């Protein structure tokens, strides 16, 4: 195989098929070997307070995306002036 063809086959872009294949294989292997129910029970909130904190964190994370808050303008558009929150 020529060097040019080999280099083209090594290139991975947005559709990284090798990584996707490895991921699928590793997930399948994990699911075959792990006791998923036990892991889920171990990860469950230990108290009502912890459950509430997790629910609030999830709600907060889902409430907006980057760019919705005026202060996020700097993150999206570097060099822009800071938002005036005094209004």
PDB file of N, CA and C in Angstrom:
ATOM      1  N   UNK A   1       0.862  -1.187   0.000  1.00  0.00           N
ATOM      2  CA  UNK A   1       0.000   0.000   0.000  1.00  0.00           C
ATOM      3  C   UNK A   1       0.893   1.229   0.000  1.00  0.00           C
ATOM      4  N   UNK A   2       0.562   2.201  -0.836  1.00  0.00           N
ATOM      5  CA  UNK A   2       1.406   3.393  -0.905  1.00  0.00           C
ATOM      6  C   UNK A   2       1.261   4.227   0.365  1.00  0.00           C
ATOM      7  N   UNK A   3       2.275   5.054   0.606  1.00  0.00           N
ATOM      8  CA  UNK A   3       2.285   5.903   1.801  1.00  0.00           C
ATOM      9  C   UNK A   3       1.093   6.865   1.798  1.00  0.00           C
ATOM     10  N   UNK A   4       0.741   7.413   0.632  1.00  0.00           N
ATOM     11  CA  UNK A   4      -0.378   8.355   0.543  1.00  0.00           C
ATOM     12  C   UNK A   4      -1.694   7.683   0.941  1.00  0.00           C
ATOM     13  N   UNK A   5      -1.929   6.479   0.454  1.00  0.00           N
ATOM     14  CA  UNK A   5      -3.161   5.768   0.788  1.00  0.00           C
ATOM     15  C   UNK A   5      -3.180   5.426   2.270  1.00  0.00           C
ATOM     16  N   UNK A   6      -2.038   4.974   2.806  1.00  0.00           N
ATOM     17  CA  UNK A   6      -1.964   4.646   4.229  1.00  0.00           C
ATOM     18  C   UNK A   6      -2.264   5.881   5.073  1.00  0.00           C
ATOM     19  N   UNK A   7      -1.702   7.028   4.733  1.00  0.00           N
ATOM     20  CA  UNK A   7      -1.940   8.269   5.483  1.00  0.00           C
ATOM     21  C   UNK A   7      -3.412   8.661   5.431  1.00  0.00           C
ATOM     22  N   UNK A   8      -4.073   8.487   4.293  1.00  0.00           N
ATOM     23  CA  UNK A   8      -5.484   8.823   4.180  1.00  0.00           C
ATOM     24  C   UNK A   8      -6.327   7.907   5.059  1.00  0.00           C
ATOM     25  N   UNK A   9      -5.949   6.654   5.197  1.00  0.00           N
ATOM     26  CA  UNK A   9      -6.702   5.725   6.033  1.00  0.00           C
ATOM     27  C   UNK A   9      -6.498   6.023   7.517  1.00  0.00           C
ATOM     28  N   UNK A  10      -5.364   6.595   7.869  1.00  0.00           N
ATOM     29  CA  UNK A  10      -5.080   6.910   9.267  1.00  0.00           C
ATOM     30  C   UNK A  10      -5.819   8.157   9.744  1.00  0.00           C
ATOM     31  N   UNK A  11      -6.259   8.985   8.817  1.00  0.00           N
ATOM     32  CA  UNK A  11      -6.921  10.238   9.178  1.00  0.00           C
ATOM     33  C   UNK A  11      -8.297   9.942   9.747  1.00  0.00           C
ATOM     34  N   UNK A  12      -8.566  10.544  10.898  1.00  0.00           N
ATOM     35  CA  UNK A  12      -9.878  10.391  11.528  1.00  0.00           C
ATOM     36  C   UNK A  12     -10.467  11.790  11.690  1.00  0.00           C
ATOM     37  N   UNK A  13     -11.634  12.006  11.163  1.00  0.00           N
ATOM     38  CA  UNK A  13     -12.299  13.299  11.285  1.00  0.00           C
ATOM     39  C   UNK A  13     -13.442  13.210  12.267  1.00  0.00           C
ATOM     40  N   UNK A  14     -14.528  13.920  11.959  1.00  0.00           N
ATOM     41  CA  UNK A  14     -15.687  13.892  12.841  1.00  0.00           C
ATOM     42  C   UNK A  14     -16.250  12.486  12.991  1.00  0.00           C
ATOM     43  N   UNK A  15     -16.197  11.704  11.952  1.00  0.00           N
ATOM     44  CA  UNK A  15     -16.681  10.335  12.006  1.00  0.00           C
ATOM     45  C   UNK A  15     -15.533   9.391  12.328  1.00  0.00           C
ATOM     46  N   UNK A  16     -15.076   9.420  13.559  1.00  0.00           N
ATOM     47  CA  UNK A  16     -13.944   8.591  13.971  1.00  0.00           C
ATOM     48  C   UNK A  16     -14.444   7.169  14.185  1.00  0.00           C
ATOM     49  N   UNK A  17     -14.409   6.382  13.116  1.00  0.00           N
ATOM     50  CA  UNK A  17     -14.976   5.044  13.147  1.00  0.00           C
ATOM     51  C   UNK A  17     -14.231   4.114  14.091  1.00  0.00           C
ATOM     52  N   UNK A  18     -12.916   4.272  14.185  1.00  0.00           N
ATOM     53  CA  UNK A  18     -12.137   3.411  15.078  1.00  0.00           C
ATOM     54  C   UNK A  18     -12.519   3.669  16.530  1.00  0.00           C
ATOM     55  N   UNK A  19     -12.653   4.929  16.899  1.00  0.00           N
ATOM     56  CA  UNK A  19     -13.036   5.263  18.272  1.00  0.00           C
ATOM     57  C   UNK A  19     -14.454   4.804  18.565  1.00  0.00           C
ATOM     58  N   UNK A  20     -15.357   4.961  17.613  1.00  0.00           N
ATOM     59  CA  UNK A  20     -16.741   4.524  17.805  1.00  0.00           C
ATOM     60  C   UNK A  20     -16.806   3.008  17.971  1.00  0.00           C
ATOM     61  N   UNK A  21     -16.023   2.291  17.182  1.00  0.00           N
ATOM     62  CA  UNK A  21     -15.992   0.833  17.291  1.00  0.00           C
ATOM     63  C   UNK A  21     -15.439   0.412  18.649  1.00  0.00           C
ATOM     64  N   UNK A  22     -14.339   1.032  19.089  1.00  0.00           N
ATOM     65  CA  UNK A  22     -13.765   0.707  20.399  1.00  0.00           C
ATOM     66  C   UNK A  22     -14.764   0.986  21.512  1.00  0.00           C
ATOM     67  N   UNK A  23     -15.454   2.117  21.426  1.00  0.00           N
ATOM     68  CA  UNK A  23     -16.440   2.486  22.436  1.00  0.00           C
ATOM     69  C   UNK A  23     -17.544   1.431  22.525  1.00  0.00           C
ATOM     70  N   UNK A  24     -18.092   1.056  21.381  1.00  0.00           N
ATOM     71  CA  UNK A  24     -19.161   0.042  21.370  1.00  0.00           C
ATOM     72  C   UNK A  24     -18.677  -1.274  21.963  1.00  0.00           C
ATOM     73  N   UNK A  25     -17.474  -1.689  21.593  1.00  0.00           N
ATOM     74  CA  UNK A  25     -16.925  -2.936  22.114  1.00  0.00           C
ATOM     75  C   UNK A  25     -16.737  -2.864  23.629  1.00  0.00           C
ATOM     76  N   UNK A  26     -16.206  -1.743  24.118  1.00  0.00           N
ATOM     77  CA  UNK A  26     -15.972  -1.595  25.554  1.00  0.00           C
ATOM     78  C   UNK A  26     -17.278  -1.524  26.341  1.00  0.00           C
ATOM     79  N   UNK A  27     -18.288  -0.849  25.802  1.00  0.00           N
ATOM     80  CA  UNK A  27     -19.585  -0.788  26.474  1.00  0.00           C
ATOM     81  C   UNK A  27     -20.208  -2.173  26.531  1.00  0.00           C
ATOM     82  N   UNK A  28     -20.148  -2.907  25.422  1.00  0.00           N
ATOM     83  CA  UNK A  28     -20.698  -4.265  25.394  1.00  0.00           C
ATOM     84  C   UNK A  28     -19.981  -5.149  26.402  1.00  0.00           C
ATOM     85  N   UNK A  29     -18.660  -5.055  26.449  1.00  0.00           N
ATOM     86  CA  UNK A  29     -17.877  -5.846  27.401  1.00  0.00           C
ATOM     87  C   UNK A  29     -18.241  -5.483  28.844  1.00  0.00           C
ATOM     88  N   UNK A  30     -18.372  -4.190  29.111  1.00  0.00           N
ATOM     89  CA  UNK A  30     -18.746  -3.744  30.460  1.00  0.00           C
ATOM     90  C   UNK A  30     -20.111  -4.292  30.859  1.00  0.00           C
ATOM     91  N   UNK A  31     -21.076  -4.172  29.962  1.00  0.00           N
ATOM     92  CA  UNK A  31     -22.429  -4.642  30.269  1.00  0.00           C
ATOM     93  C   UNK A  31     -22.488  -6.158  30.457  1.00  0.00           C
ATOM     94  N   UNK A  32     -21.627  -6.869  29.742  1.00  0.00           N
ATOM     95  CA  UNK A  32     -21.587  -8.323  29.893  1.00  0.00           C
ATOM     96  C   UNK A  32     -21.007  -8.730  31.245  1.00  0.00           C
ATOM     97  N   UNK A  33     -20.051  -7.958  31.766  1.00  0.00           N
ATOM     98  CA  UNK A  33     -19.334  -8.347  32.976  1.00  0.00           C
ATOM     99  C   UNK A  33     -19.859  -7.692  34.254  1.00  0.00           C
ATOM    100  N   UNK A  34     -20.426  -6.503  34.153  1.00  0.00           N
ATOM    101  CA  UNK A  34     -20.802  -5.738  35.341  1.00  0.00           C
ATOM    102  C   UNK A  34     -22.205  -6.084  35.820  1.00  0.00           C
ATOM    103  N   UNK A  35     -22.402  -5.928  37.108  1.00  0.00           N
ATOM    104  CA  UNK A  35     -23.738  -6.056  37.697  1.00  0.00           C
ATOM    105  C   UNK A  35     -24.338  -4.652  37.707  1.00  0.00           C
ATOM    106  N   UNK A  36     -25.020  -4.318  36.630  1.00  0.00           N
ATOM    107  CA  UNK A  36     -25.514  -2.961  36.426  1.00  0.00           C
ATOM    108  C   UNK A  36     -26.523  -2.563  37.496  1.00  0.00           C
ATOM    109  N   UNK A  37     -27.369  -3.479  37.910  1.00  0.00           N
ATOM    110  CA  UNK A  37     -28.362  -3.159  38.951  1.00  0.00           C
ATOM    111  C   UNK A  37     -27.674  -2.789  40.256  1.00  0.00           C
ATOM    112  N   UNK A  38     -26.630  -3.530  40.615  1.00  0.00           N
ATOM    113  CA  UNK A  38     -25.898  -3.225  41.846  1.00  0.00           C
ATOM    114  C   UNK A  38     -25.217  -1.854  41.741  1.00  0.00           C
ATOM    115  N   UNK A  39     -24.630  -1.569  40.590  1.00  0.00           N
ATOM    116  CA  UNK A  39     -23.986  -0.275  40.394  1.00  0.00           C
ATOM    117  C   UNK A  39     -25.000   0.873  40.463  1.00  0.00           C
ATOM    118  N   UNK A  40     -26.189   0.655  39.912  1.00  0.00           N
ATOM    119  CA  UNK A  40     -27.231   1.680  39.958  1.00  0.00           C
ATOM    120  C   UNK A  40     -27.675   1.932  41.392  1.00  0.00           C
ATOM    121  N   UNK A  41     -27.825   0.860  42.166  1.00  0.00           N
ATOM    122  CA  UNK A  41     -28.211   1.016  43.574  1.00  0.00           C
ATOM    123  C   UNK A  41     -27.130   1.733  44.366  1.00  0.00           C
ATOM    124  N   UNK A  42     -25.868   1.421  44.075  1.00  0.00           N
ATOM    125  CA  UNK A  42     -24.756   2.066  44.775  1.00  0.00           C
ATOM    126  C   UNK A  42     -24.666   3.556  44.427  1.00  0.00           C
ATOM    127  N   UNK A  43     -25.073   3.920  43.228  1.00  0.00           N
ATOM    128  CA  UNK A  43     -24.998   5.314  42.797  1.00  0.00           C
ATOM    129  C   UNK A  43     -26.226   6.130  43.192  1.00  0.00           C
ATOM    130  N   UNK A  44     -27.260   5.472  43.658  1.00  0.00           N
ATOM    131  CA  UNK A  44     -28.502   6.166  44.025  1.00  0.00           C
ATOM    132  C   UNK A  44     -28.250   7.106  45.203  1.00  0.00           C
ATOM    133  N   UNK A  45     -29.021   8.194  45.273  1.00  0.00           N
ATOM    134  CA  UNK A  45     -28.878   9.121  46.395  1.00  0.00           C
ATOM    135  C   UNK A  45     -29.044   8.395  47.730  1.00  0.00           C
ATOM    136  N   UNK A  46     -28.235   8.793  48.697  1.00  0.00           N
ATOM    137  CA  UNK A  46     -28.261   8.138  50.011  1.00  0.00           C
ATOM    138  C   UNK A  46     -29.283   8.763  50.959  1.00  0.00           C
ATOM    139  N   UNK A  47     -29.786   9.937  50.592  1.00  0.00           N
ATOM    140  CA  UNK A  47     -30.754  10.616  51.449  1.00  0.00           C
ATOM    141  C   UNK A  47     -31.670  11.475  50.586  1.00  0.00           C
ATOM    142  N   UNK A  48     -32.742  11.951  51.198  1.00  0.00           N
ATOM    143  CA  UNK A  48     -33.660  12.852  50.487  1.00  0.00           C
ATOM    144  C   UNK A  48     -32.946  14.154  50.137  1.00  0.00           C
ATOM    145  N   UNK A  49     -32.070  14.604  51.026  1.00  0.00           N
ATOM    146  CA  UNK A  49     -31.327  15.847  50.764  1.00  0.00           C
ATOM    147  C   UNK A  49     -30.422  15.685  49.536  1.00  0.00           C
ATOM    148  N   UNK A  50     -29.722  14.555  49.458  1.00  0.00           N
ATOM    149  CA  UNK A  50     -28.855  14.318  48.301  1.00  0.00           C
ATOM    150  C   UNK A  50     -29.687  14.217  47.018  1.00  0.00           C
ATOM    151  N   UNK A  51     -30.841  13.572  47.089  1.00  0.00           N
ATOM    152  CA  UNK A  51     -31.719  13.455  45.923  1.00  0.00           C
ATOM    153  C   UNK A  51     -32.179  14.833  45.464  1.00  0.00           C
ATOM    154  N   UNK A  52     -32.521  15.693  46.418  1.00  0.00           N
ATOM    155  CA  UNK A  52     -32.944  17.054  46.076  1.00  0.00           C
ATOM    156  C   UNK A  52     -31.807  17.843  45.454  1.00  0.00           C
ATOM    157  N   UNK A  53     -30.598  17.722  46.020  1.00  0.00           N
ATOM    158  CA  UNK A  53     -29.439  18.434  45.465  1.00  0.00           C
ATOM    159  C   UNK A  53     -29.158  17.987  44.031  1.00  0.00           C
ATOM    160  N   UNK A  54     -29.247  16.694  43.782  1.00  0.00           N
ATOM    161  CA  UNK A  54     -29.024  16.181  42.430  1.00  0.00           C
ATOM    162  C   UNK A  54     -30.092  16.689  41.462  1.00  0.00           C
ATOM    163  N   UNK A  55     -31.344  16.701  41.914  1.00  0.00           N
ATOM    164  CA  UNK A  55     -32.443  17.180  41.065  1.00  0.00           C
ATOM    165  C   UNK A  55     -32.280  18.664  40.757  1.00  0.00           C
ATOM    166  N   UNK A  56     -31.872  19.446  41.757  1.00  0.00           N
ATOM    167  CA  UNK A  56     -31.665  20.882  41.534  1.00  0.00           C
ATOM    168  C   UNK A  56     -30.490  21.125  40.584  1.00  0.00           C
ATOM    169  N   UNK A  57     -29.427  20.338  40.731  1.00  0.00           N
ATOM    170  CA  UNK A  57     -28.280  20.481  39.835  1.00  0.00           C
ATOM    171  C   UNK A  57     -28.667  20.135  38.402  1.00  0.00           C
ATOM    172  N   UNK A  58     -29.457  19.101  38.241  1.00  0.00           N
ATOM    173  CA  UNK A  58     -29.909  18.713  36.910  1.00  0.00           C
ATOM    174  C   UNK A  58     -30.788  19.811  36.313  1.00  0.00           C
ATOM    175  N   UNK A  59     -31.688  20.350  37.104  1.00  0.00           N
ATOM    176  CA  UNK A  59     -32.574  21.410  36.633  1.00  0.00           C
ATOM    177  C   UNK A  59     -31.764  22.651  36.260  1.00  0.00           C
ATOM    178  N   UNK A  60     -30.788  22.990  37.074  1.00  0.00           N
ATOM    179  CA  UNK A  60     -29.954  24.155  36.805  1.00  0.00           C
ATOM    180  C   UNK A  60     -29.165  23.966  35.514  1.00  0.00           C
ATOM    181  N   UNK A  61     -28.624  22.780  35.324  1.00  0.00           N
ATOM    182  CA  UNK A  61     -27.849  22.513  34.117  1.00  0.00           C
ATOM    183  C   UNK A  61     -28.697  22.532  32.861  1.00  0.00           C
ATOM    184  N   UNK A  62     -29.929  22.120  32.968  1.00  0.00           N
ATOM    185  CA  UNK A  62     -30.815  22.061  31.805  1.00  0.00           C
ATOM    186  C   UNK A  62     -31.546  23.373  31.550  1.00  0.00           C
ATOM    187  N   UNK A  63     -31.449  24.317  32.477  1.00  0.00           N
ATOM    188  CA  UNK A  63     -32.261  25.528  32.378  1.00  0.00           C
ATOM    189  C   UNK A  63     -31.806  26.496  31.296  1.00  0.00           C
ATOM    190  N   UNK A  64     -30.545  26.434  30.927  1.00  0.00           N
ATOM    191  CA  UNK A  64     -30.077  27.341  29.887  1.00  0.00           C
ATOM    192  C   UNK A  64     -28.823  26.764  29.251  1.00  0.00           C
ATOM    193  N   UNK A  65     -28.521  27.263  28.099  1.00  0.00           N
ATOM    194  CA  UNK A  65     -27.300  26.845  27.433  1.00  0.00           C
ATOM    195  C   UNK A  65     -26.326  28.006  27.421  1.00  0.00           C
ATOM    196  N   UNK A  66     -25.096  27.718  27.095  1.00  0.00           N
ATOM    197  CA  UNK A  66     -24.070  28.754  27.027  1.00  0.00           C
ATOM    198  C   UNK A  66     -24.542  29.835  26.065  1.00  0.00           C
ATOM    199  N   UNK A  67     -24.492  31.045  26.518  1.00  0.00           N
ATOM    200  CA  UNK A  67     -24.892  32.155  25.671  1.00  0.00           C
ATOM    201  C   UNK A  67     -26.208  32.774  26.076  1.00  0.00           C
ATOM    202  N   UNK A  68     -26.969  32.119  26.928  1.00  0.00           N
ATOM    203  CA  UNK A  68     -28.255  32.659  27.342  1.00  0.00           C
ATOM    204  C   UNK A  68     -28.108  33.779  28.365  1.00  0.00           C
ATOM    205  N   UNK A  69     -27.066  33.709  29.171  1.00  0.00           N
ATOM    206  CA  UNK A  69     -26.860  34.734  30.188  1.00  0.00           C
ATOM    207  C   UNK A  69     -26.000  35.845  29.596  1.00  0.00           C
ATOM    208  N   UNK A  70     -26.293  37.108  29.928  1.00  0.00           N
ATOM    209  CA  UNK A  70     -25.498  38.213  29.385  1.00  0.00           C
ATOM    210  C   UNK A  70     -24.006  38.057  29.659  1.00  0.00           C
ATOM    211  N   UNK A  71     -23.628  37.491  30.786  1.00  0.00           N
ATOM    212  CA  UNK A  71     -22.210  37.335  31.116  1.00  0.00           C
ATOM    213  C   UNK A  71     -21.526  36.333  30.193  1.00  0.00           C
ATOM    214  N   UNK A  72     -22.286  35.484  29.517  1.00  0.00           N
ATOM    215  CA  UNK A  72     -21.699  34.481  28.635  1.00  0.00           C
ATOM    216  C   UNK A  72     -21.228  35.072  27.307  1.00  0.00           C
ATOM    217  N   UNK A  73     -21.560  36.316  27.045  1.00  0.00           N
ATOM    218  CA  UNK A  73     -21.152  36.944  25.786  1.00  0.00           C
ATOM    219  C   UNK A  73     -19.636  36.884  25.648  1.00  0.00           C
ATOM    220  N   UNK A  74     -18.919  37.091  26.748  1.00  0.00           N
ATOM    221  CA  UNK A  74     -17.451  37.050  26.686  1.00  0.00           C
ATOM    222  C   UNK A  74     -16.961  35.676  26.288  1.00  0.00           C
ATOM    223  N   UNK A  75     -17.613  34.628  26.728  1.00  0.00           N
ATOM    224  CA  UNK A  75     -17.187  33.273  26.392  1.00  0.00           C
ATOM    225  C   UNK A  75     -17.454  32.976  24.916  1.00  0.00           C
ATOM    226  N   UNK A  76     -18.559  33.470  24.409  1.00  0.00           N
ATOM    227  CA  UNK A  76     -18.918  33.200  23.023  1.00  0.00           C
ATOM    228  C   UNK A  76     -18.192  34.116  22.049  1.00  0.00           C
ATOM    229  N   UNK A  77     -17.959  35.357  22.460  1.00  0.00           N
ATOM    230  CA  UNK A  77     -17.347  36.350  21.594  1.00  0.00           C
ATOM    231  C   UNK A  77     -16.209  37.030  22.346  1.00  0.00           C
ATOM    232  N   UNK A  78     -15.025  36.425  22.368  1.00  0.00           N
ATOM    233  CA  UNK A  78     -13.901  37.020  23.098  1.00  0.00           C
ATOM    234  C   UNK A  78     -13.642  38.444  22.617  1.00  0.00           C
ATOM    235  N   UNK A  79     -13.321  39.308  23.559  1.00  0.00           N
ATOM    236  CA  UNK A  79     -13.038  40.701  23.224  1.00  0.00           C
ATOM    237  C   UNK A  79     -14.226  41.617  23.387  1.00  0.00           C
ATOM    238  N   UNK A  80     -15.416  41.042  23.579  1.00  0.00           N
ATOM    239  CA  UNK A  80     -16.606  41.869  23.780  1.00  0.00           C
ATOM    240  C   UNK A  80     -16.590  42.425  25.191  1.00  0.00           C
ATOM    241  N   UNK A  81     -17.176  43.602  25.391  1.00  0.00           N
ATOM    242  CA  UNK A  81     -17.221  44.166  26.754  1.00  0.00           C
ATOM    243  C   UNK A  81     -18.074  43.302  27.667  1.00  0.00           C
ATOM    244  N   UNK A  82     -17.770  43.373  28.956  1.00  0.00           N
ATOM    245  CA  UNK A  82     -18.530  42.612  29.916  1.00  0.00           C
ATOM    246  C   UNK A  82     -19.959  43.129  29.973  1.00  0.00           C
ATOM    247  N   UNK A  83     -20.876  42.239  30.338  1.00  0.00           N
ATOM    248  CA  UNK A  83     -22.282  42.611  30.452  1.00  0.00           C
ATOM    249  C   UNK A  83     -22.458  43.567  31.612  1.00  0.00           C
ATOM    250  N   UNK A  84     -23.350  44.517  31.429  1.00  0.00           N
ATOM    251  CA  UNK A  84     -23.664  45.483  32.491  1.00  0.00           C
ATOM    252  C   UNK A  84     -24.837  44.938  33.273  1.00  0.00           C
ATOM    253  N   UNK A  85     -24.556  44.363  34.452  1.00  0.00           N
ATOM    254  CA  UNK A  85     -25.599  43.755  35.267  1.00  0.00           C
ATOM    255  C   UNK A  85     -26.248  44.753  36.233  1.00  0.00           C
ATOM    256  N   UNK A  86     -25.873  46.040  36.150  1.00  0.00           N
ATOM    257  CA  UNK A  86     -26.369  47.036  37.097  1.00  0.00           C
ATOM    258  C   UNK A  86     -27.757  47.544  36.741  1.00  0.00           C
ATOM    259  N   UNK A  87     -28.262  47.191  35.581  1.00  0.00           N
ATOM    260  CA  UNK A  87     -29.577  47.701  35.137  1.00  0.00           C
ATOM    261  C   UNK A  87     -30.701  47.074  35.873  1.00  0.00           C
TER     262      UNK A  87
END
